[in-house]
N, C-alpha and C. Protein backbone atom coordinates (compact mmCIF):
# COMPACT_ATOMS: atom_id res chain seq x y z
N MET A 1 7.07 14.52 12.14
CA MET A 1 5.78 13.60 11.25
C MET A 1 6.55 12.57 11.56
N SER A 2 5.52 11.86 12.35
CA SER A 2 5.50 10.11 12.26
C SER A 2 5.59 9.08 11.19
N SER A 3 6.22 7.77 11.79
CA SER A 3 6.25 6.91 10.14
C SER A 3 5.14 6.14 10.57
N TYR A 4 4.81 5.51 9.39
CA TYR A 4 3.89 3.82 9.34
C TYR A 4 5.20 2.71 9.14
N ARG A 5 4.79 2.24 10.15
CA ARG A 5 5.56 0.41 10.08
C ARG A 5 5.06 -0.38 8.88
N VAL A 6 6.03 -1.23 8.32
CA VAL A 6 5.36 -2.46 7.10
C VAL A 6 5.78 -3.25 6.99
N TYR A 7 4.79 -4.14 7.68
CA TYR A 7 5.37 -6.02 7.00
C TYR A 7 4.99 -6.36 6.40
N PRO A 8 5.60 -6.91 5.78
CA PRO A 8 5.43 -7.63 4.28
C PRO A 8 5.28 -9.24 4.89
N TYR A 9 4.33 -9.81 3.53
CA TYR A 9 4.73 -11.61 4.00
C TYR A 9 4.69 -11.81 2.42
N ASN A 10 4.60 -12.98 2.12
CA ASN A 10 5.13 -13.44 0.85
C ASN A 10 3.69 -14.14 0.99
N PHE A 11 3.63 -15.23 0.15
CA PHE A 11 2.10 -15.71 -0.05
C PHE A 11 1.78 -16.83 0.47
N GLN A 12 3.41 -17.63 1.35
CA GLN A 12 3.63 -18.57 2.20
C GLN A 12 3.64 -17.84 3.64
N LYS A 13 3.03 -17.27 3.73
CA LYS A 13 2.32 -16.44 5.24
C LYS A 13 3.82 -16.04 5.91
N LYS A 14 5.42 -16.39 5.31
CA LYS A 14 6.09 -15.22 5.88
C LYS A 14 6.30 -14.54 6.06
N PRO A 15 6.79 -14.47 7.47
CA PRO A 15 6.89 -12.35 7.75
C PRO A 15 8.64 -12.05 6.76
N GLU A 16 8.75 -11.00 6.49
CA GLU A 16 10.29 -10.72 6.21
C GLU A 16 10.25 -9.80 6.43
N LYS A 17 11.47 -8.87 6.42
CA LYS A 17 11.44 -7.70 7.10
C LYS A 17 10.92 -6.15 7.38
N THR A 18 10.57 -5.62 8.28
CA THR A 18 9.98 -4.25 8.07
C THR A 18 10.43 -3.69 8.31
N PHE A 19 9.76 -2.27 7.42
CA PHE A 19 10.77 -1.22 6.97
C PHE A 19 9.55 0.15 7.23
N LEU A 20 9.70 1.27 6.84
CA LEU A 20 8.61 2.17 7.64
C LEU A 20 8.74 3.08 6.50
N ILE A 21 7.74 3.77 6.22
CA ILE A 21 7.26 4.95 5.38
C ILE A 21 6.65 5.87 6.25
N GLU A 22 6.78 7.45 5.18
CA GLU A 22 6.07 8.39 5.89
C GLU A 22 4.66 8.48 5.39
N ASN A 23 4.61 8.82 7.23
CA ASN A 23 2.44 8.87 7.45
C ASN A 23 2.04 9.87 6.45
N SER A 24 1.64 9.83 5.48
CA SER A 24 1.22 10.72 4.39
C SER A 24 0.43 9.84 3.03
N ILE A 25 -1.21 10.27 3.04
CA ILE A 25 -1.73 9.87 2.31
C ILE A 25 -1.06 9.84 1.66
N GLU A 26 -0.04 10.66 0.91
CA GLU A 26 0.75 10.50 -0.41
C GLU A 26 1.26 9.04 -0.62
N SER A 27 2.40 9.23 -0.24
CA SER A 27 3.02 8.27 0.66
C SER A 27 1.93 6.57 0.13
N LEU A 28 1.52 7.20 1.74
CA LEU A 28 0.73 5.02 1.52
C LEU A 28 0.07 4.78 -0.17
N ALA A 29 -0.01 6.45 -0.71
CA ALA A 29 -1.18 5.61 -2.22
C ALA A 29 0.42 4.74 -3.39
N SER A 30 1.42 5.75 -2.82
CA SER A 30 2.46 5.71 -3.82
C SER A 30 3.13 4.22 -3.62
N PHE A 31 3.24 4.02 -1.98
CA PHE A 31 3.42 2.66 -1.67
C PHE A 31 2.89 1.46 -1.68
N ILE A 32 1.11 1.34 -2.22
CA ILE A 32 0.67 -0.16 -2.57
C ILE A 32 0.63 0.61 -4.19
N ALA A 33 0.60 1.36 -4.75
CA ALA A 33 0.33 1.64 -5.96
C ALA A 33 1.80 0.73 -7.03
N GLU A 34 2.80 1.09 -6.10
CA GLU A 34 4.10 0.29 -6.30
C GLU A 34 4.84 -1.22 -6.03
N ALA A 35 3.68 -1.39 -4.82
CA ALA A 35 3.67 -2.53 -4.19
C ALA A 35 3.75 -4.02 -5.48
N SER A 36 4.84 -4.75 -4.38
CA SER A 36 4.74 -5.67 -5.41
C SER A 36 3.54 -6.93 -5.08
N PHE A 37 3.69 -7.52 -6.57
CA PHE A 37 2.07 -8.35 -6.89
C PHE A 37 2.66 -9.93 -6.04
N GLU A 38 3.32 -9.52 -5.27
CA GLU A 38 4.21 -10.84 -4.77
C GLU A 38 4.06 -10.96 -3.49
N LYS A 39 3.41 -10.16 -3.25
CA LYS A 39 3.51 -9.84 -1.48
C LYS A 39 2.26 -9.64 -1.12
N SER A 40 2.12 -9.51 0.32
CA SER A 40 0.81 -8.72 1.00
C SER A 40 1.83 -7.69 2.21
N TYR A 41 1.03 -6.73 2.57
CA TYR A 41 1.42 -6.14 3.19
C TYR A 41 -0.23 -5.58 4.27
N ILE A 42 0.99 -5.50 5.60
CA ILE A 42 -0.04 -4.88 6.44
C ILE A 42 1.01 -3.48 6.80
N VAL A 43 0.10 -2.63 7.13
CA VAL A 43 0.56 -0.97 7.48
C VAL A 43 0.28 -0.90 9.32
N THR A 44 0.90 -0.32 9.83
CA THR A 44 0.52 -0.05 10.89
C THR A 44 1.00 1.64 11.27
N ASP A 45 0.50 1.86 12.78
CA ASP A 45 1.26 3.35 13.33
C ASP A 45 2.47 2.54 13.75
N ALA A 46 3.23 3.83 14.60
CA ALA A 46 3.82 3.10 16.31
C ALA A 46 2.96 2.25 17.72
N ALA A 47 2.02 2.84 17.60
CA ALA A 47 0.93 1.70 18.73
C ALA A 47 0.61 0.27 17.73
N ASP A 48 1.08 -0.56 16.58
CA ASP A 48 0.97 -1.15 15.63
C ASP A 48 -0.62 -1.54 15.67
N ASN A 49 -1.09 -0.03 15.48
CA ASN A 49 -2.78 -0.08 15.26
C ASN A 49 -2.88 0.32 13.42
N LEU A 50 -3.55 -1.80 13.87
CA LEU A 50 -4.13 -1.55 11.60
C LEU A 50 -4.29 -0.26 11.16
N ILE A 51 -3.35 -0.14 9.90
CA ILE A 51 -3.56 1.15 9.55
C ILE A 51 -3.92 0.96 7.73
N ILE A 52 -3.97 0.24 6.52
CA ILE A 52 -4.05 -0.43 5.67
C ILE A 52 -3.33 -2.25 6.02
N SER A 53 -3.94 -2.17 4.93
CA SER A 53 -3.14 -4.30 4.36
C SER A 53 -3.93 -4.02 3.54
N THR A 54 -2.89 -5.05 2.61
CA THR A 54 -3.05 -4.77 1.32
C THR A 54 -3.26 -6.66 0.66
N ILE A 55 -2.94 -7.04 -0.73
CA ILE A 55 -2.49 -8.24 -1.08
C ILE A 55 -2.02 -7.60 -2.32
N GLY A 56 -0.49 -7.88 -2.90
CA GLY A 56 -0.50 -7.36 -3.57
C GLY A 56 -0.39 -6.02 -3.74
N ASN A 57 -0.71 -5.52 -4.78
CA ASN A 57 -0.71 -4.50 -4.87
C ASN A 57 -1.85 -3.54 -5.51
N PHE A 58 -3.12 -3.94 -4.07
CA PHE A 58 -4.43 -3.86 -4.22
C PHE A 58 -4.57 -3.98 -2.25
N LEU A 59 -5.53 -2.48 -2.40
CA LEU A 59 -6.34 -2.30 -0.80
C LEU A 59 -7.25 -3.37 -0.60
N ASP A 60 -6.60 -3.66 0.36
CA ASP A 60 -7.22 -5.04 1.12
C ASP A 60 -7.90 -4.68 2.23
N GLN A 61 -7.52 -3.77 3.51
CA GLN A 61 -8.80 -3.73 4.50
C GLN A 61 -7.89 -1.94 4.91
N CYS A 62 -8.42 -1.24 5.23
CA CYS A 62 -9.25 0.12 5.74
C CYS A 62 -10.13 0.89 6.57
N PRO A 63 -9.63 0.47 7.95
CA PRO A 63 -10.56 0.16 9.25
C PRO A 63 -11.19 1.92 9.18
N ASP A 64 -9.97 2.95 8.55
CA ASP A 64 -10.09 4.19 8.94
C ASP A 64 -11.52 5.16 7.62
N LYS A 65 -12.19 4.96 7.87
CA LYS A 65 -12.65 4.99 6.16
C LYS A 65 -12.94 6.49 6.11
N ARG A 66 -12.32 7.40 6.89
CA ARG A 66 -12.35 8.80 6.58
C ARG A 66 -10.64 8.95 5.87
N LEU A 67 -10.14 7.88 6.16
CA LEU A 67 -8.30 7.24 5.85
C LEU A 67 -9.07 6.93 3.94
N LEU A 68 -10.18 6.17 4.18
CA LEU A 68 -9.68 5.30 2.61
C LEU A 68 -10.40 6.39 1.30
N ARG A 69 -11.35 6.95 2.54
CA ARG A 69 -12.50 9.02 1.67
C ARG A 69 -11.05 9.47 0.11
N GLU A 70 -9.97 9.52 1.66
CA GLU A 70 -8.90 10.66 0.83
C GLU A 70 -8.05 10.39 -0.24
N LEU A 71 -7.77 8.22 0.47
CA LEU A 71 -6.62 7.27 -0.04
C LEU A 71 -7.67 7.26 -1.49
N GLN A 72 -8.23 6.99 -1.56
CA GLN A 72 -8.76 6.12 -2.99
C GLN A 72 -8.77 6.80 -4.63
N PRO A 73 -8.81 8.35 -4.24
CA PRO A 73 -8.49 8.73 -5.29
C PRO A 73 -6.83 8.96 -6.65
N LEU A 74 -6.34 9.02 -5.23
CA LEU A 74 -4.65 9.21 -5.13
C LEU A 74 -4.88 7.70 -5.27
N LEU A 75 -4.62 7.02 -4.71
CA LEU A 75 -4.49 5.18 -4.93
C LEU A 75 -4.95 5.24 -6.40
N ILE A 76 -6.33 4.91 -7.14
CA ILE A 76 -6.55 5.14 -8.65
C ILE A 76 -6.02 6.23 -9.44
N LYS A 77 -5.85 7.09 -9.36
CA LYS A 77 -5.19 8.24 -10.47
C LYS A 77 -3.81 7.11 -10.17
N LYS A 78 -3.16 6.80 -9.38
CA LYS A 78 -1.51 6.08 -9.67
C LYS A 78 -1.88 5.02 -10.58
N GLN A 79 -2.60 3.63 -9.81
CA GLN A 79 -2.98 2.49 -10.10
C GLN A 79 -3.00 2.45 -12.16
N MET A 80 -4.04 3.45 -12.53
CA MET A 80 -4.40 3.77 -13.67
C MET A 80 -3.03 3.99 -14.26
N SER A 81 -2.60 4.90 -13.94
CA SER A 81 -0.83 5.64 -14.58
C SER A 81 0.13 4.56 -15.02
N ARG A 82 -0.18 3.91 -13.93
CA ARG A 82 0.80 1.85 -14.05
C ARG A 82 0.18 1.05 -14.98
N VAL A 83 -1.18 1.18 -15.49
CA VAL A 83 -1.51 0.84 -15.88
C VAL A 83 -1.58 1.25 -17.79
N SER A 84 -1.30 2.54 -17.73
CA SER A 84 -0.78 3.11 -18.89
C SER A 84 0.54 2.97 -19.40
N GLU A 85 0.75 3.05 -18.54
CA GLU A 85 3.01 2.54 -18.19
C GLU A 85 3.43 1.11 -19.29
N PHE A 86 2.55 -0.14 -18.42
CA PHE A 86 1.84 -1.05 -19.46
C PHE A 86 1.59 -1.10 -20.12
N GLN A 87 0.79 -0.81 -20.70
CA GLN A 87 -0.19 -0.96 -21.93
C GLN A 87 1.18 -0.52 -23.12
N GLN A 88 1.90 0.95 -22.74
CA GLN A 88 2.70 1.46 -23.78
C GLN A 88 3.95 0.20 -24.02
N GLU A 89 4.51 -0.24 -23.32
CA GLU A 89 4.86 -0.94 -22.97
C GLU A 89 4.62 -2.33 -24.42
N PHE A 90 3.59 -2.57 -24.29
CA PHE A 90 3.82 -3.70 -25.47
C PHE A 90 3.11 -3.59 -26.37
N GLU A 91 2.62 -1.98 -27.02
CA GLU A 91 2.26 -1.46 -28.54
C GLU A 91 3.34 -1.76 -28.89
């Protein structure tokens, strides 16, 4: 299975070291849900075609609407579980 390349940027738009994640819906959802609030990310395939972009841990762009329909339910579930974790910390 091929990998996605991730390009992180801080909010001054300075590029940082790229890294790879597994090419799967589950990996994309986990990556986005756990992404830093302080960075934005561009995720591409091996040919450098845009797969997704984020602002912090929120999905920004996803040109492939089929991928988006598959990704959203997983991403929402993961983000909501993170909200629950944060709420428990403050109770």
